[in-house]
Amino acid sequence: MDAVFGSSLPVFIGLTLLVFGGCGYLTGQALAEGWKPVGMVFAYSLMMGLGDRFLVFALFGGPLLHLPGFVVHAAAILGITWVSYRMALAHRMVSQYPWLYERSGPFDWREKIGARIAG
């Protein structure tokens, strides 16, 4: 397990999922509320992955330059950030434009029937 994560499982759960995952959750919401493009989710997740890798090294003695560990940690952070971004964006679209859109799931919205503007 250490060969894949580059750290122990408790460190992955505690630091990556709880601490950086929480940061990713808040980052995704902030990006969606500010109407930022989805590319920003990837950029910020990559930076949080670098910070996570450094703290695994500095606090828990894990290897600093461990590509598989970085990929796994950054992918977990990216997943949490992207889910948060899509949920917040769907909520924003439906609440800001209730006459045009309705929810079609936790991550998506659809145009209301009959809401098309004649043009």
N, C-alpha and C. Protein backbone atom coordinates (compact mmCIF):
# COMPACT_ATOMS: atom_id res chain seq x y z
N MET A 1 0.83 -1.19 0.00
CA MET A 1 0.00 0.00 0.00
C MET A 1 0.88 1.26 0.00
N ASP A 2 1.97 1.23 0.74
CA ASP A 2 2.85 2.40 0.78
C ASP A 2 3.49 2.69 -0.58
N ALA A 3 3.68 1.64 -1.38
CA ALA A 3 4.30 1.84 -2.69
C ALA A 3 3.37 2.62 -3.63
N VAL A 4 2.08 2.46 -3.46
CA VAL A 4 1.13 3.17 -4.32
C VAL A 4 0.87 4.58 -3.78
N PHE A 5 0.58 4.69 -2.50
CA PHE A 5 0.23 5.98 -1.90
C PHE A 5 1.44 6.85 -1.62
N GLY A 6 2.60 6.25 -1.41
CA GLY A 6 3.76 7.03 -1.00
C GLY A 6 3.64 7.46 0.44
N SER A 7 2.69 6.89 1.16
CA SER A 7 2.47 7.16 2.58
C SER A 7 1.62 6.03 3.12
N SER A 8 1.40 6.04 4.41
CA SER A 8 0.54 5.02 4.99
C SER A 8 -0.93 5.37 4.73
N LEU A 9 -1.79 4.38 4.90
CA LEU A 9 -3.22 4.59 4.67
C LEU A 9 -3.81 5.63 5.63
N PRO A 10 -3.46 5.62 6.93
CA PRO A 10 -4.00 6.67 7.81
C PRO A 10 -3.57 8.08 7.41
N VAL A 11 -2.35 8.22 6.90
CA VAL A 11 -1.89 9.54 6.43
C VAL A 11 -2.68 9.95 5.20
N PHE A 12 -2.93 9.01 4.29
CA PHE A 12 -3.72 9.32 3.10
C PHE A 12 -5.13 9.75 3.49
N ILE A 13 -5.75 9.00 4.39
CA ILE A 13 -7.11 9.33 4.80
C ILE A 13 -7.14 10.66 5.56
N GLY A 14 -6.26 10.82 6.53
CA GLY A 14 -6.27 12.02 7.37
C GLY A 14 -5.85 13.28 6.65
N LEU A 15 -4.68 13.23 6.03
CA LEU A 15 -4.14 14.44 5.41
C LEU A 15 -4.77 14.71 4.04
N THR A 16 -4.78 13.69 3.18
CA THR A 16 -5.24 13.92 1.82
C THR A 16 -6.75 14.06 1.74
N LEU A 17 -7.47 13.08 2.28
CA LEU A 17 -8.93 13.10 2.13
C LEU A 17 -9.60 14.11 3.05
N LEU A 18 -9.19 14.16 4.31
CA LEU A 18 -9.87 15.06 5.24
C LEU A 18 -9.38 16.50 5.12
N VAL A 19 -8.08 16.72 5.23
CA VAL A 19 -7.57 18.10 5.22
C VAL A 19 -7.61 18.70 3.81
N PHE A 20 -6.90 18.07 2.87
CA PHE A 20 -6.86 18.63 1.52
C PHE A 20 -8.16 18.39 0.77
N GLY A 21 -8.86 17.32 1.09
CA GLY A 21 -10.18 17.12 0.50
C GLY A 21 -11.16 18.19 0.95
N GLY A 22 -11.08 18.59 2.21
CA GLY A 22 -11.90 19.70 2.71
C GLY A 22 -11.55 21.00 2.02
N CYS A 23 -10.26 21.23 1.82
CA CYS A 23 -9.84 22.42 1.07
C CYS A 23 -10.35 22.36 -0.37
N GLY A 24 -10.28 21.19 -0.97
CA GLY A 24 -10.78 21.02 -2.33
C GLY A 24 -12.27 21.24 -2.42
N TYR A 25 -13.00 20.77 -1.42
CA TYR A 25 -14.46 20.97 -1.39
C TYR A 25 -14.79 22.46 -1.37
N LEU A 26 -14.12 23.19 -0.50
CA LEU A 26 -14.36 24.64 -0.41
C LEU A 26 -13.88 25.37 -1.66
N THR A 27 -12.78 24.91 -2.23
CA THR A 27 -12.26 25.52 -3.46
C THR A 27 -13.24 25.32 -4.62
N GLY A 28 -13.79 24.14 -4.75
CA GLY A 28 -14.77 23.87 -5.80
C GLY A 28 -16.00 24.75 -5.66
N GLN A 29 -16.47 24.92 -4.44
CA GLN A 29 -17.63 25.79 -4.23
C GLN A 29 -17.29 27.24 -4.58
N ALA A 30 -16.13 27.70 -4.16
CA ALA A 30 -15.74 29.09 -4.44
C ALA A 30 -15.58 29.33 -5.94
N LEU A 31 -15.00 28.38 -6.64
CA LEU A 31 -14.83 28.55 -8.09
C LEU A 31 -16.18 28.58 -8.80
N ALA A 32 -17.10 27.73 -8.39
CA ALA A 32 -18.42 27.72 -9.02
C ALA A 32 -19.19 28.99 -8.69
N GLU A 33 -19.11 29.46 -7.48
CA GLU A 33 -19.82 30.68 -7.10
C GLU A 33 -19.26 31.90 -7.82
N GLY A 34 -17.99 31.85 -8.21
CA GLY A 34 -17.38 32.96 -8.93
C GLY A 34 -17.44 32.79 -10.44
N TRP A 35 -18.17 31.79 -10.93
CA TRP A 35 -18.32 31.51 -12.36
C TRP A 35 -16.98 31.26 -13.05
N LYS A 36 -16.04 30.66 -12.36
CA LYS A 36 -14.74 30.37 -12.95
C LYS A 36 -14.83 29.14 -13.85
N PRO A 37 -13.98 29.06 -14.87
CA PRO A 37 -14.03 27.90 -15.77
C PRO A 37 -13.52 26.63 -15.07
N VAL A 38 -13.92 25.49 -15.61
CA VAL A 38 -13.59 24.21 -14.98
C VAL A 38 -12.08 23.94 -15.00
N GLY A 39 -11.35 24.56 -15.89
CA GLY A 39 -9.90 24.42 -15.92
C GLY A 39 -9.23 24.88 -14.64
N MET A 40 -9.85 25.82 -13.97
CA MET A 40 -9.31 26.29 -12.69
C MET A 40 -9.37 25.19 -11.64
N VAL A 41 -10.36 24.32 -11.73
CA VAL A 41 -10.46 23.19 -10.80
C VAL A 41 -9.21 22.32 -10.92
N PHE A 42 -8.78 22.04 -12.15
CA PHE A 42 -7.60 21.22 -12.36
C PHE A 42 -6.34 21.93 -11.87
N ALA A 43 -6.22 23.22 -12.13
CA ALA A 43 -5.04 23.96 -11.71
C ALA A 43 -4.92 24.00 -10.19
N TYR A 44 -6.00 24.33 -9.50
CA TYR A 44 -5.95 24.39 -8.05
C TYR A 44 -5.77 23.02 -7.43
N SER A 45 -6.34 21.99 -8.03
CA SER A 45 -6.16 20.64 -7.51
C SER A 45 -4.71 20.19 -7.64
N LEU A 46 -4.08 20.56 -8.73
CA LEU A 46 -2.67 20.23 -8.92
C LEU A 46 -1.82 20.92 -7.86
N MET A 47 -2.10 22.18 -7.58
CA MET A 47 -1.34 22.89 -6.55
C MET A 47 -1.58 22.30 -5.17
N MET A 48 -2.82 21.91 -4.88
CA MET A 48 -3.09 21.28 -3.59
C MET A 48 -2.41 19.91 -3.51
N GLY A 49 -2.31 19.20 -4.63
CA GLY A 49 -1.59 17.93 -4.65
C GLY A 49 -0.12 18.12 -4.35
N LEU A 50 0.47 19.19 -4.85
CA LEU A 50 1.88 19.49 -4.52
C LEU A 50 2.03 19.81 -3.04
N GLY A 51 1.12 20.58 -2.50
CA GLY A 51 1.17 20.89 -1.07
C GLY A 51 0.98 19.65 -0.22
N ASP A 52 0.08 18.79 -0.63
CA ASP A 52 -0.14 17.53 0.09
C ASP A 52 1.11 16.67 0.07
N ARG A 53 1.73 16.55 -1.10
CA ARG A 53 2.95 15.73 -1.21
C ARG A 53 4.05 16.29 -0.31
N PHE A 54 4.17 17.62 -0.25
CA PHE A 54 5.19 18.22 0.61
C PHE A 54 4.91 17.94 2.08
N LEU A 55 3.65 18.05 2.50
CA LEU A 55 3.34 17.80 3.91
C LEU A 55 3.50 16.33 4.28
N VAL A 56 3.23 15.42 3.35
CA VAL A 56 3.49 14.00 3.61
C VAL A 56 4.99 13.81 3.85
N PHE A 57 5.80 14.48 3.06
CA PHE A 57 7.25 14.41 3.23
C PHE A 57 7.70 15.07 4.53
N ALA A 58 7.25 16.28 4.78
CA ALA A 58 7.75 17.06 5.92
C ALA A 58 7.24 16.55 7.27
N LEU A 59 6.00 16.13 7.33
CA LEU A 59 5.42 15.73 8.61
C LEU A 59 5.52 14.24 8.89
N PHE A 60 5.46 13.41 7.85
CA PHE A 60 5.36 11.98 8.07
C PHE A 60 6.51 11.18 7.46
N GLY A 61 7.50 11.84 6.91
CA GLY A 61 8.69 11.16 6.41
C GLY A 61 8.49 10.38 5.12
N GLY A 62 7.46 10.69 4.38
CA GLY A 62 7.24 10.03 3.09
C GLY A 62 8.20 10.58 2.05
N PRO A 63 8.36 9.87 0.94
CA PRO A 63 9.24 10.38 -0.11
C PRO A 63 8.64 11.62 -0.78
N LEU A 64 9.49 12.61 -1.02
CA LEU A 64 9.02 13.85 -1.63
C LEU A 64 8.72 13.66 -3.12
N LEU A 65 9.63 13.06 -3.83
CA LEU A 65 9.48 12.87 -5.27
C LEU A 65 9.00 11.44 -5.54
N HIS A 66 7.72 11.23 -5.34
CA HIS A 66 7.12 9.91 -5.55
C HIS A 66 5.94 10.08 -6.49
N LEU A 67 6.19 9.84 -7.78
CA LEU A 67 5.18 10.12 -8.80
C LEU A 67 3.88 9.35 -8.61
N PRO A 68 3.91 8.03 -8.36
CA PRO A 68 2.63 7.34 -8.16
C PRO A 68 1.84 7.89 -6.97
N GLY A 69 2.54 8.22 -5.89
CA GLY A 69 1.87 8.80 -4.72
C GLY A 69 1.27 10.15 -5.05
N PHE A 70 2.00 10.97 -5.77
CA PHE A 70 1.48 12.28 -6.15
C PHE A 70 0.24 12.14 -7.03
N VAL A 71 0.29 11.22 -7.98
CA VAL A 71 -0.85 11.03 -8.89
C VAL A 71 -2.09 10.58 -8.12
N VAL A 72 -1.93 9.63 -7.21
CA VAL A 72 -3.06 9.13 -6.44
C VAL A 72 -3.63 10.22 -5.54
N HIS A 73 -2.77 10.94 -4.83
CA HIS A 73 -3.23 12.00 -3.93
C HIS A 73 -3.88 13.13 -4.72
N ALA A 74 -3.24 13.56 -5.81
CA ALA A 74 -3.81 14.65 -6.60
C ALA A 74 -5.13 14.23 -7.26
N ALA A 75 -5.24 12.98 -7.67
CA ALA A 75 -6.50 12.51 -8.27
C ALA A 75 -7.63 12.50 -7.25
N ALA A 76 -7.32 12.12 -6.02
CA ALA A 76 -8.34 12.13 -4.96
C ALA A 76 -8.80 13.56 -4.68
N ILE A 77 -7.85 14.48 -4.60
CA ILE A 77 -8.19 15.89 -4.36
C ILE A 77 -8.97 16.45 -5.55
N LEU A 78 -8.55 16.12 -6.76
CA LEU A 78 -9.26 16.57 -7.96
C LEU A 78 -10.69 16.05 -7.98
N GLY A 79 -10.88 14.80 -7.63
CA GLY A 79 -12.23 14.24 -7.61
C GLY A 79 -13.14 14.96 -6.65
N ILE A 80 -12.66 15.24 -5.45
CA ILE A 80 -13.46 15.95 -4.46
C ILE A 80 -13.75 17.37 -4.93
N THR A 81 -12.74 18.04 -5.48
CA THR A 81 -12.91 19.42 -5.94
C THR A 81 -13.89 19.49 -7.10
N TRP A 82 -13.78 18.56 -8.06
CA TRP A 82 -14.67 18.57 -9.21
C TRP A 82 -16.11 18.29 -8.82
N VAL A 83 -16.32 17.34 -7.92
CA VAL A 83 -17.69 17.03 -7.46
C VAL A 83 -18.30 18.25 -6.78
N SER A 84 -17.53 18.90 -5.93
CA SER A 84 -18.00 20.10 -5.25
C SER A 84 -18.32 21.22 -6.25
N TYR A 85 -17.46 21.38 -7.24
CA TYR A 85 -17.65 22.41 -8.27
C TYR A 85 -18.95 22.17 -9.04
N ARG A 86 -19.17 20.94 -9.50
CA ARG A 86 -20.37 20.63 -10.28
C ARG A 86 -21.64 20.78 -9.45
N MET A 87 -21.60 20.33 -8.20
CA MET A 87 -22.78 20.46 -7.35
C MET A 87 -23.12 21.93 -7.10
N ALA A 88 -22.09 22.74 -6.83
CA ALA A 88 -22.32 24.16 -6.57
C ALA A 88 -22.77 24.88 -7.84
N LEU A 89 -22.21 24.51 -8.99
CA LEU A 89 -22.60 25.15 -10.25
C LEU A 89 -24.04 24.80 -10.61
N ALA A 90 -24.42 23.55 -10.41
CA ALA A 90 -25.81 23.16 -10.68
C ALA A 90 -26.77 23.91 -9.76
N HIS A 91 -26.40 24.03 -8.50
CA HIS A 91 -27.24 24.78 -7.55
C HIS A 91 -27.34 26.24 -7.97
N ARG A 92 -26.22 26.79 -8.38
CA ARG A 92 -26.20 28.21 -8.78
C ARG A 92 -27.06 28.46 -10.02
N MET A 93 -26.96 27.60 -11.00
CA MET A 93 -27.75 27.78 -12.23
C MET A 93 -29.24 27.70 -11.94
N VAL A 94 -29.63 26.74 -11.12
CA VAL A 94 -31.06 26.54 -10.84
C VAL A 94 -31.59 27.64 -9.93
N SER A 95 -30.81 28.10 -8.98
CA SER A 95 -31.31 29.13 -8.08
C SER A 95 -31.24 30.53 -8.69
N GLN A 96 -30.28 30.78 -9.57
CA GLN A 96 -30.17 32.10 -10.18
C GLN A 96 -31.11 32.27 -11.38
N TYR A 97 -31.39 31.17 -12.08
CA TYR A 97 -32.26 31.23 -13.25
C TYR A 97 -33.40 30.21 -13.10
N PRO A 98 -34.28 30.39 -12.10
CA PRO A 98 -35.32 29.38 -11.87
C PRO A 98 -36.36 29.31 -12.98
N TRP A 99 -36.52 30.36 -13.76
CA TRP A 99 -37.49 30.33 -14.85
C TRP A 99 -36.95 29.61 -16.09
N LEU A 100 -35.64 29.38 -16.14
CA LEU A 100 -35.04 28.72 -17.30
C LEU A 100 -34.64 27.27 -17.04
N TYR A 101 -34.14 27.00 -15.82
CA TYR A 101 -33.52 25.70 -15.57
C TYR A 101 -34.13 25.01 -14.36
N GLU A 102 -34.06 23.68 -14.40
CA GLU A 102 -34.45 22.85 -13.27
C GLU A 102 -33.39 21.77 -13.09
N ARG A 103 -33.32 21.24 -11.88
CA ARG A 103 -32.33 20.21 -11.59
C ARG A 103 -32.65 18.93 -12.34
N SER A 104 -31.61 18.28 -12.83
CA SER A 104 -31.79 16.97 -13.43
C SER A 104 -30.86 15.95 -12.77
N GLY A 105 -30.40 16.26 -11.59
CA GLY A 105 -29.51 15.40 -10.83
C GLY A 105 -28.64 16.25 -9.94
N PRO A 106 -27.81 15.63 -9.15
CA PRO A 106 -26.98 16.42 -8.24
C PRO A 106 -25.90 17.24 -8.94
N PHE A 107 -25.52 16.85 -10.15
CA PHE A 107 -24.43 17.54 -10.85
C PHE A 107 -24.86 18.27 -12.11
N ASP A 108 -26.12 18.26 -12.44
CA ASP A 108 -26.54 18.80 -13.73
C ASP A 108 -27.88 19.50 -13.62
N TRP A 109 -28.20 20.26 -14.64
CA TRP A 109 -29.48 20.95 -14.76
C TRP A 109 -29.93 20.82 -16.21
N ARG A 110 -31.20 21.11 -16.43
CA ARG A 110 -31.74 21.07 -17.80
C ARG A 110 -32.67 22.25 -17.98
N GLU A 111 -32.90 22.55 -19.24
CA GLU A 111 -33.80 23.64 -19.58
C GLU A 111 -35.23 23.21 -19.28
N LYS A 112 -36.00 24.11 -18.69
CA LYS A 112 -37.40 23.81 -18.43
C LYS A 112 -38.17 23.75 -19.74
N ILE A 113 -39.14 22.87 -19.78
CA ILE A 113 -39.97 22.76 -20.96
C ILE A 113 -40.81 24.02 -21.12
N GLY A 114 -40.78 24.59 -22.29
CA GLY A 114 -41.50 25.82 -22.56
C GLY A 114 -40.77 27.08 -22.12
N ALA A 115 -39.53 26.94 -21.70
CA ALA A 115 -38.78 28.10 -21.23
C ALA A 115 -37.95 28.75 -22.33
N ARG A 116 -37.97 28.17 -23.51
CA ARG A 116 -37.18 28.70 -24.63
C ARG A 116 -37.74 30.06 -25.04
N ILE A 117 -36.85 31.00 -25.17
CA ILE A 117 -37.24 32.36 -25.56
C ILE A 117 -37.34 32.42 -27.09
N ALA A 118 -38.45 32.95 -27.55
CA ALA A 118 -38.64 33.06 -29.00
C ALA A 118 -37.66 34.09 -29.55
N GLY A 119 -37.07 33.79 -30.68
CA GLY A 119 -36.11 34.73 -31.21
C GLY A 119 -35.90 34.59 -32.61
